Amino acid sequence: MSGQNYLGAPAHLRREQAICDSIQQEYRAEQQCGAGKSIRRENAPPVDPALTPTDDQLRLRLAEELDYARRMLDAMGDELATDMSVVMRHAVALQSVDIVGQMLGHIAAVTRSAAPKAAVQRIGMCELKARLTRRGTVDGGFEP
């Protein structure tokens, strides 16, 4: 479509179009004179160590496998949830499937992390976090 037949914004939007046009004109003028403000943050906060991936390739692969298992479990749960008779008879079991999927995702994130203890603190499932941080665990537990 060529612009030959374009008549501009409809009458009820002309004021808004004028505002938009002025914003674009101001932006273009700033870009031409080099005074354009960068969209990058100057003082970006440091990345949480819990979100930094580990250098251990085996742990990364284990996390990928846990994520894959989670996706398969989620797909199975979604498929079962499309059948209303299954949902009516097995609602609690389907909720358990969802909870197990969430647990797998959290465990994958801890496994993938360069700072697994910090990653455990980011877990939103209180029961899982409590089990992972309780005293008497393999490494004697740890303080948050």
N, C-alpha and C. Protein backbone atom coordinates (compact mmCIF):
# COMPACT_ATOMS: atom_id res chain seq x y z
N MET A 1 0.85 -1.18 0.00
CA MET A 1 0.00 0.00 0.00
C MET A 1 0.89 1.23 0.00
N SER A 2 0.65 2.13 -0.89
CA SER A 2 1.43 3.37 -0.96
C SER A 2 0.83 4.40 -0.01
N GLY A 3 1.60 5.42 0.29
CA GLY A 3 1.13 6.46 1.18
C GLY A 3 0.32 7.54 0.48
N GLN A 4 0.03 7.36 -0.80
CA GLN A 4 -0.68 8.39 -1.57
C GLN A 4 -2.09 8.62 -1.06
N ASN A 5 -2.74 7.58 -0.59
CA ASN A 5 -4.13 7.71 -0.17
C ASN A 5 -4.28 7.91 1.35
N TYR A 6 -3.16 8.04 2.04
CA TYR A 6 -3.21 8.19 3.49
C TYR A 6 -3.66 9.59 3.85
N LEU A 7 -4.69 9.70 4.64
CA LEU A 7 -5.27 11.00 5.00
C LEU A 7 -4.90 11.43 6.42
N GLY A 8 -4.05 10.65 7.09
CA GLY A 8 -3.66 11.00 8.45
C GLY A 8 -4.51 10.26 9.48
N ALA A 9 -4.26 10.59 10.72
CA ALA A 9 -4.98 9.95 11.81
C ALA A 9 -6.44 10.37 11.78
N PRO A 10 -7.33 9.48 12.23
CA PRO A 10 -8.74 9.86 12.32
C PRO A 10 -8.90 11.07 13.24
N ALA A 11 -9.95 11.79 13.04
CA ALA A 11 -10.18 13.05 13.76
C ALA A 11 -10.11 12.87 15.28
N HIS A 12 -10.65 11.77 15.79
CA HIS A 12 -10.68 11.57 17.24
C HIS A 12 -9.30 11.21 17.81
N LEU A 13 -8.31 10.93 16.94
CA LEU A 13 -6.96 10.57 17.42
C LEU A 13 -5.90 11.60 17.00
N ARG A 14 -6.28 12.69 16.42
CA ARG A 14 -5.29 13.65 15.91
C ARG A 14 -4.47 14.27 17.03
N ARG A 15 -5.08 14.57 18.16
CA ARG A 15 -4.34 15.14 19.28
C ARG A 15 -3.28 14.16 19.77
N GLU A 16 -3.66 12.88 19.94
CA GLU A 16 -2.72 11.85 20.38
C GLU A 16 -1.62 11.64 19.35
N GLN A 17 -1.98 11.71 18.06
CA GLN A 17 -0.99 11.54 17.01
C GLN A 17 0.01 12.69 17.03
N ALA A 18 -0.47 13.90 17.31
CA ALA A 18 0.43 15.06 17.39
C ALA A 18 1.42 14.90 18.54
N ILE A 19 0.96 14.37 19.66
CA ILE A 19 1.85 14.12 20.80
C ILE A 19 2.91 13.09 20.42
N CYS A 20 2.48 12.02 19.79
CA CYS A 20 3.41 10.97 19.35
C CYS A 20 4.42 11.53 18.36
N ASP A 21 3.96 12.32 17.42
CA ASP A 21 4.86 12.92 16.42
C ASP A 21 5.90 13.82 17.08
N SER A 22 5.49 14.59 18.09
CA SER A 22 6.44 15.48 18.76
C SER A 22 7.48 14.68 19.54
N ILE A 23 7.06 13.59 20.15
CA ILE A 23 8.01 12.74 20.89
C ILE A 23 9.03 12.15 19.93
N GLN A 24 8.56 11.65 18.79
CA GLN A 24 9.48 11.09 17.81
C GLN A 24 10.42 12.15 17.26
N GLN A 25 9.92 13.35 16.99
CA GLN A 25 10.75 14.43 16.48
C GLN A 25 11.84 14.80 17.49
N GLU A 26 11.47 14.87 18.76
CA GLU A 26 12.43 15.19 19.81
C GLU A 26 13.50 14.11 19.91
N TYR A 27 13.10 12.85 19.84
CA TYR A 27 14.04 11.74 19.91
C TYR A 27 15.02 11.79 18.73
N ARG A 28 14.49 11.99 17.53
CA ARG A 28 15.36 12.04 16.34
C ARG A 28 16.35 13.20 16.43
N ALA A 29 15.91 14.34 16.95
CA ALA A 29 16.80 15.49 17.09
C ALA A 29 17.93 15.18 18.08
N GLU A 30 17.60 14.51 19.17
CA GLU A 30 18.61 14.13 20.15
C GLU A 30 19.62 13.17 19.54
N GLN A 31 19.14 12.22 18.73
CA GLN A 31 20.03 11.24 18.11
C GLN A 31 20.97 11.90 17.10
N GLN A 32 20.49 12.90 16.38
CA GLN A 32 21.31 13.56 15.37
C GLN A 32 22.43 14.39 15.99
N CYS A 33 22.16 15.02 17.11
CA CYS A 33 23.19 15.86 17.73
C CYS A 33 24.05 15.07 18.71
N GLY A 34 23.80 13.79 18.85
CA GLY A 34 24.61 12.95 19.73
C GLY A 34 24.29 13.09 21.20
N ALA A 35 23.21 13.77 21.52
CA ALA A 35 22.84 13.96 22.93
C ALA A 35 21.86 12.89 23.40
N GLY A 36 21.67 11.87 22.58
CA GLY A 36 20.72 10.81 22.95
C GLY A 36 21.14 10.08 24.20
N LYS A 37 20.22 9.88 25.09
CA LYS A 37 20.50 9.19 26.34
C LYS A 37 20.54 7.68 26.09
N SER A 38 21.56 7.05 26.60
CA SER A 38 21.70 5.61 26.45
C SER A 38 20.61 4.90 27.26
N ILE A 39 20.14 3.80 26.73
CA ILE A 39 19.13 3.04 27.47
C ILE A 39 19.79 2.05 28.43
N ARG A 40 21.09 1.91 28.37
CA ARG A 40 21.81 1.02 29.30
C ARG A 40 21.88 1.66 30.68
N ARG A 41 21.80 0.83 31.67
CA ARG A 41 21.91 1.33 33.04
C ARG A 41 23.37 1.60 33.35
N GLU A 42 23.63 2.75 33.89
CA GLU A 42 25.01 3.13 34.21
C GLU A 42 25.50 2.35 35.43
N ASN A 43 24.68 2.22 36.43
CA ASN A 43 25.07 1.54 37.67
C ASN A 43 24.17 0.33 37.88
N ALA A 44 24.26 -0.61 36.97
CA ALA A 44 23.43 -1.80 37.07
C ALA A 44 23.81 -2.59 38.32
N PRO A 45 22.82 -3.14 39.01
CA PRO A 45 23.14 -3.93 40.19
C PRO A 45 23.89 -5.20 39.78
N PRO A 46 24.72 -5.72 40.67
CA PRO A 46 25.46 -6.95 40.33
C PRO A 46 24.50 -8.12 40.15
N VAL A 47 24.90 -9.06 39.34
CA VAL A 47 24.09 -10.25 39.12
C VAL A 47 24.16 -11.12 40.36
N ASP A 48 23.01 -11.62 40.77
CA ASP A 48 22.94 -12.51 41.93
C ASP A 48 23.78 -13.76 41.63
N PRO A 49 24.72 -14.11 42.52
CA PRO A 49 25.55 -15.30 42.28
C PRO A 49 24.73 -16.58 42.11
N ALA A 50 23.54 -16.60 42.71
CA ALA A 50 22.69 -17.79 42.59
C ALA A 50 22.22 -17.98 41.15
N LEU A 51 22.21 -16.90 40.35
CA LEU A 51 21.75 -16.98 38.97
C LEU A 51 22.89 -17.20 37.99
N THR A 52 24.12 -17.21 38.48
CA THR A 52 25.28 -17.43 37.63
C THR A 52 25.46 -18.93 37.43
N PRO A 53 25.55 -19.40 36.18
CA PRO A 53 25.71 -20.84 35.95
C PRO A 53 27.08 -21.34 36.41
N THR A 54 27.11 -22.56 36.83
CA THR A 54 28.36 -23.20 37.26
C THR A 54 29.24 -23.50 36.05
N ASP A 55 30.51 -23.70 36.31
CA ASP A 55 31.44 -24.11 35.26
C ASP A 55 31.49 -25.63 35.12
N ASP A 56 30.87 -26.33 36.05
CA ASP A 56 30.87 -27.80 36.05
C ASP A 56 29.90 -28.31 34.98
N GLN A 57 30.43 -28.88 33.91
CA GLN A 57 29.60 -29.35 32.80
C GLN A 57 28.64 -30.46 33.21
N LEU A 58 29.06 -31.33 34.11
CA LEU A 58 28.17 -32.41 34.55
C LEU A 58 26.96 -31.83 35.27
N ARG A 59 27.16 -30.86 36.15
CA ARG A 59 26.03 -30.25 36.85
C ARG A 59 25.11 -29.52 35.88
N LEU A 60 25.68 -28.87 34.87
CA LEU A 60 24.84 -28.21 33.87
C LEU A 60 24.00 -29.23 33.10
N ARG A 61 24.60 -30.35 32.75
CA ARG A 61 23.85 -31.40 32.03
C ARG A 61 22.79 -32.03 32.91
N LEU A 62 23.11 -32.22 34.18
CA LEU A 62 22.10 -32.75 35.11
C LEU A 62 20.92 -31.78 35.22
N ALA A 63 21.20 -30.50 35.28
CA ALA A 63 20.13 -29.50 35.35
C ALA A 63 19.29 -29.52 34.08
N GLU A 64 19.95 -29.68 32.93
CA GLU A 64 19.20 -29.78 31.67
C GLU A 64 18.29 -30.99 31.66
N GLU A 65 18.78 -32.12 32.18
CA GLU A 65 17.95 -33.33 32.24
C GLU A 65 16.78 -33.15 33.19
N LEU A 66 17.01 -32.49 34.31
CA LEU A 66 15.91 -32.22 35.23
C LEU A 66 14.87 -31.30 34.58
N ASP A 67 15.33 -30.30 33.84
CA ASP A 67 14.41 -29.42 33.12
C ASP A 67 13.63 -30.19 32.07
N TYR A 68 14.30 -31.11 31.38
CA TYR A 68 13.63 -31.92 30.36
C TYR A 68 12.57 -32.82 31.01
N ALA A 69 12.92 -33.44 32.14
CA ALA A 69 11.95 -34.28 32.86
C ALA A 69 10.76 -33.43 33.30
N ARG A 70 11.03 -32.22 33.74
CA ARG A 70 9.95 -31.33 34.16
C ARG A 70 9.03 -31.02 32.98
N ARG A 71 9.61 -30.72 31.82
CA ARG A 71 8.78 -30.41 30.65
C ARG A 71 7.92 -31.62 30.25
N MET A 72 8.49 -32.82 30.32
CA MET A 72 7.71 -34.02 29.99
C MET A 72 6.58 -34.21 30.99
N LEU A 73 6.88 -34.01 32.26
CA LEU A 73 5.86 -34.16 33.30
C LEU A 73 4.76 -33.11 33.12
N ASP A 74 5.14 -31.88 32.80
CA ASP A 74 4.15 -30.83 32.56
C ASP A 74 3.27 -31.16 31.36
N ALA A 75 3.88 -31.68 30.30
CA ALA A 75 3.11 -32.05 29.11
C ALA A 75 2.12 -33.17 29.43
N MET A 76 2.57 -34.14 30.23
CA MET A 76 1.68 -35.23 30.61
C MET A 76 0.52 -34.69 31.45
N GLY A 77 0.83 -33.83 32.41
CA GLY A 77 -0.22 -33.24 33.25
C GLY A 77 -1.20 -32.42 32.44
N ASP A 78 -0.69 -31.66 31.48
CA ASP A 78 -1.57 -30.87 30.62
C ASP A 78 -2.49 -31.77 29.79
N GLU A 79 -1.92 -32.85 29.28
CA GLU A 79 -2.72 -33.79 28.48
C GLU A 79 -3.81 -34.44 29.33
N LEU A 80 -3.46 -34.87 30.53
CA LEU A 80 -4.45 -35.49 31.41
C LEU A 80 -5.52 -34.49 31.84
N ALA A 81 -5.13 -33.23 32.01
CA ALA A 81 -6.08 -32.22 32.47
C ALA A 81 -7.10 -31.84 31.39
N THR A 82 -6.89 -32.26 30.15
CA THR A 82 -7.88 -31.96 29.11
C THR A 82 -9.09 -32.89 29.18
N ASP A 83 -8.94 -34.00 29.90
CA ASP A 83 -10.04 -34.95 30.05
C ASP A 83 -10.74 -34.68 31.39
N MET A 84 -11.94 -34.15 31.33
CA MET A 84 -12.65 -33.74 32.54
C MET A 84 -12.92 -34.92 33.48
N SER A 85 -13.14 -36.10 32.94
CA SER A 85 -13.38 -37.25 33.83
C SER A 85 -12.12 -37.60 34.61
N VAL A 86 -10.96 -37.45 33.99
CA VAL A 86 -9.69 -37.70 34.69
C VAL A 86 -9.50 -36.63 35.77
N VAL A 87 -9.80 -35.40 35.44
CA VAL A 87 -9.64 -34.31 36.40
C VAL A 87 -10.56 -34.54 37.61
N MET A 88 -11.80 -34.94 37.35
CA MET A 88 -12.74 -35.16 38.45
C MET A 88 -12.31 -36.30 39.35
N ARG A 89 -11.77 -37.36 38.76
CA ARG A 89 -11.39 -38.53 39.56
C ARG A 89 -10.01 -38.40 40.19
N HIS A 90 -9.13 -37.61 39.57
CA HIS A 90 -7.73 -37.59 40.03
C HIS A 90 -7.19 -36.18 40.24
N ALA A 91 -8.00 -35.29 40.74
CA ALA A 91 -7.59 -33.89 40.91
C ALA A 91 -6.38 -33.76 41.83
N VAL A 92 -6.37 -34.48 42.94
CA VAL A 92 -5.26 -34.38 43.89
C VAL A 92 -3.98 -34.91 43.26
N ALA A 93 -4.08 -36.01 42.52
CA ALA A 93 -2.90 -36.58 41.87
C ALA A 93 -2.37 -35.61 40.81
N LEU A 94 -3.25 -34.94 40.08
CA LEU A 94 -2.80 -33.98 39.08
C LEU A 94 -2.11 -32.78 39.74
N GLN A 95 -2.60 -32.37 40.90
CA GLN A 95 -1.92 -31.30 41.64
C GLN A 95 -0.54 -31.76 42.09
N SER A 96 -0.42 -33.01 42.48
CA SER A 96 0.88 -33.55 42.87
C SER A 96 1.84 -33.56 41.70
N VAL A 97 1.34 -33.88 40.51
CA VAL A 97 2.19 -33.85 39.31
C VAL A 97 2.73 -32.43 39.11
N ASP A 98 1.89 -31.44 39.30
CA ASP A 98 2.31 -30.05 39.15
C ASP A 98 3.35 -29.67 40.21
N ILE A 99 3.14 -30.09 41.43
CA ILE A 99 4.08 -29.79 42.51
C ILE A 99 5.43 -30.44 42.25
N VAL A 100 5.41 -31.70 41.77
CA VAL A 100 6.67 -32.39 41.46
C VAL A 100 7.40 -31.64 40.33
N GLY A 101 6.66 -31.14 39.35
CA GLY A 101 7.28 -30.36 38.28
C GLY A 101 7.95 -29.11 38.81
N GLN A 102 7.29 -28.42 39.74
CA GLN A 102 7.88 -27.23 40.34
C GLN A 102 9.14 -27.59 41.12
N MET A 103 9.08 -28.69 41.85
CA MET A 103 10.25 -29.13 42.61
C MET A 103 11.42 -29.43 41.68
N LEU A 104 11.15 -30.11 40.57
CA LEU A 104 12.21 -30.41 39.61
C LEU A 104 12.84 -29.13 39.08
N GLY A 105 12.02 -28.12 38.81
CA GLY A 105 12.54 -26.84 38.33
C GLY A 105 13.45 -26.18 39.35
N HIS A 106 13.05 -26.19 40.62
CA HIS A 106 13.88 -25.60 41.67
C HIS A 106 15.18 -26.37 41.85
N ILE A 107 15.09 -27.68 41.85
CA ILE A 107 16.29 -28.50 42.01
C ILE A 107 17.24 -28.30 40.83
N ALA A 108 16.68 -28.15 39.63
CA ALA A 108 17.52 -27.88 38.45
C ALA A 108 18.23 -26.54 38.62
N ALA A 109 17.54 -25.53 39.13
CA ALA A 109 18.15 -24.21 39.31
C ALA A 109 19.29 -24.28 40.33
N VAL A 110 19.10 -25.05 41.40
CA VAL A 110 20.17 -25.20 42.40
C VAL A 110 21.34 -25.96 41.80
N THR A 111 21.05 -27.00 41.05
CA THR A 111 22.11 -27.81 40.43
C THR A 111 22.91 -26.98 39.43
N ARG A 112 22.24 -26.11 38.69
CA ARG A 112 22.86 -25.29 37.66
C ARG A 112 23.68 -24.14 38.24
N SER A 113 23.40 -23.73 39.43
CA SER A 113 23.97 -22.51 40.00
C SER A 113 25.43 -22.67 40.42
N ALA A 114 26.20 -21.59 40.23
CA ALA A 114 27.57 -21.55 40.72
C ALA A 114 27.59 -21.36 42.24
N ALA A 115 26.48 -20.88 42.79
CA ALA A 115 26.35 -20.68 44.24
C ALA A 115 25.09 -21.42 44.71
N PRO A 116 25.16 -22.76 44.82
CA PRO A 116 23.95 -23.53 45.13
C PRO A 116 23.29 -23.16 46.45
N LYS A 117 24.07 -22.81 47.46
CA LYS A 117 23.45 -22.44 48.74
C LYS A 117 22.63 -21.16 48.59
N ALA A 118 23.12 -20.22 47.81
CA ALA A 118 22.36 -18.99 47.55
C ALA A 118 21.13 -19.31 46.70
N ALA A 119 21.26 -20.27 45.78
CA ALA A 119 20.13 -20.65 44.93
C ALA A 119 19.02 -21.28 45.77
N VAL A 120 19.40 -22.04 46.80
CA VAL A 120 18.40 -22.64 47.68
C VAL A 120 17.59 -21.54 48.37
N GLN A 121 18.25 -20.45 48.74
CA GLN A 121 17.55 -19.35 49.41
C GLN A 121 16.54 -18.67 48.50
N ARG A 122 16.67 -18.81 47.18
CA ARG A 122 15.74 -18.21 46.23
C ARG A 122 14.51 -19.09 45.98
N ILE A 123 14.50 -20.29 46.50
CA ILE A 123 13.38 -21.21 46.28
C ILE A 123 12.14 -20.66 46.97
N GLY A 124 11.03 -20.63 46.25
CA GLY A 124 9.78 -20.11 46.79
C GLY A 124 8.94 -21.15 47.51
N MET A 125 9.21 -22.42 47.27
CA MET A 125 8.44 -23.48 47.94
C MET A 125 9.01 -23.68 49.34
N CYS A 126 8.27 -23.24 50.33
CA CYS A 126 8.77 -23.26 51.71
C CYS A 126 9.16 -24.66 52.18
N GLU A 127 8.34 -25.65 51.84
CA GLU A 127 8.61 -27.00 52.30
C GLU A 127 9.90 -27.54 51.70
N LEU A 128 10.10 -27.32 50.41
CA LEU A 128 11.32 -27.79 49.75
C LEU A 128 12.53 -27.07 50.32
N LYS A 129 12.44 -25.77 50.49
CA LYS A 129 13.56 -25.01 51.05
C LYS A 129 13.89 -25.51 52.46
N ALA A 130 12.86 -25.78 53.25
CA ALA A 130 13.08 -26.27 54.62
C ALA A 130 13.77 -27.63 54.60
N ARG A 131 13.36 -28.50 53.68
CA ARG A 131 14.01 -29.81 53.61
C ARG A 131 15.46 -29.69 53.17
N LEU A 132 15.75 -28.77 52.28
CA LEU A 132 17.12 -28.61 51.79
C LEU A 132 18.04 -27.90 52.77
N THR A 133 17.47 -27.15 53.70
CA THR A 133 18.30 -26.38 54.65
C THR A 133 18.26 -26.94 56.06
N ARG A 134 17.58 -28.06 56.26
CA ARG A 134 17.48 -28.58 57.62
C ARG A 134 18.83 -29.09 58.13
N ARG A 135 18.97 -29.09 59.43
CA ARG A 135 20.18 -29.61 60.07
C ARG A 135 20.23 -31.12 59.86
N GLY A 136 21.45 -31.63 59.84
CA GLY A 136 21.60 -33.07 59.71
C GLY A 136 21.58 -33.55 58.27
N THR A 137 21.70 -32.62 57.31
CA THR A 137 21.76 -33.02 55.91
C THR A 137 23.16 -33.53 55.62
N VAL A 138 23.41 -33.88 54.42
CA VAL A 138 24.68 -34.48 54.00
C VAL A 138 25.86 -33.62 54.43
N ASP A 139 25.79 -32.30 54.22
CA ASP A 139 26.92 -31.43 54.60
C ASP A 139 26.69 -30.76 55.96
N GLY A 140 25.75 -31.27 56.74
CA GLY A 140 25.51 -30.71 58.06
C GLY A 140 24.58 -29.52 58.06
N GLY A 141 23.94 -29.24 56.95
CA GLY A 141 23.04 -28.11 56.88
C GLY A 141 23.82 -26.82 56.76
N PHE A 142 23.11 -25.74 56.53
CA PHE A 142 23.78 -24.44 56.47
C PHE A 142 22.79 -23.37 56.87
N GLU A 143 23.38 -22.30 57.33
CA GLU A 143 22.57 -21.16 57.77
C GLU A 143 22.25 -20.28 56.57
N PRO A 144 21.02 -19.78 56.49
CA PRO A 144 20.67 -18.89 55.38
C PRO A 144 21.38 -17.56 55.45
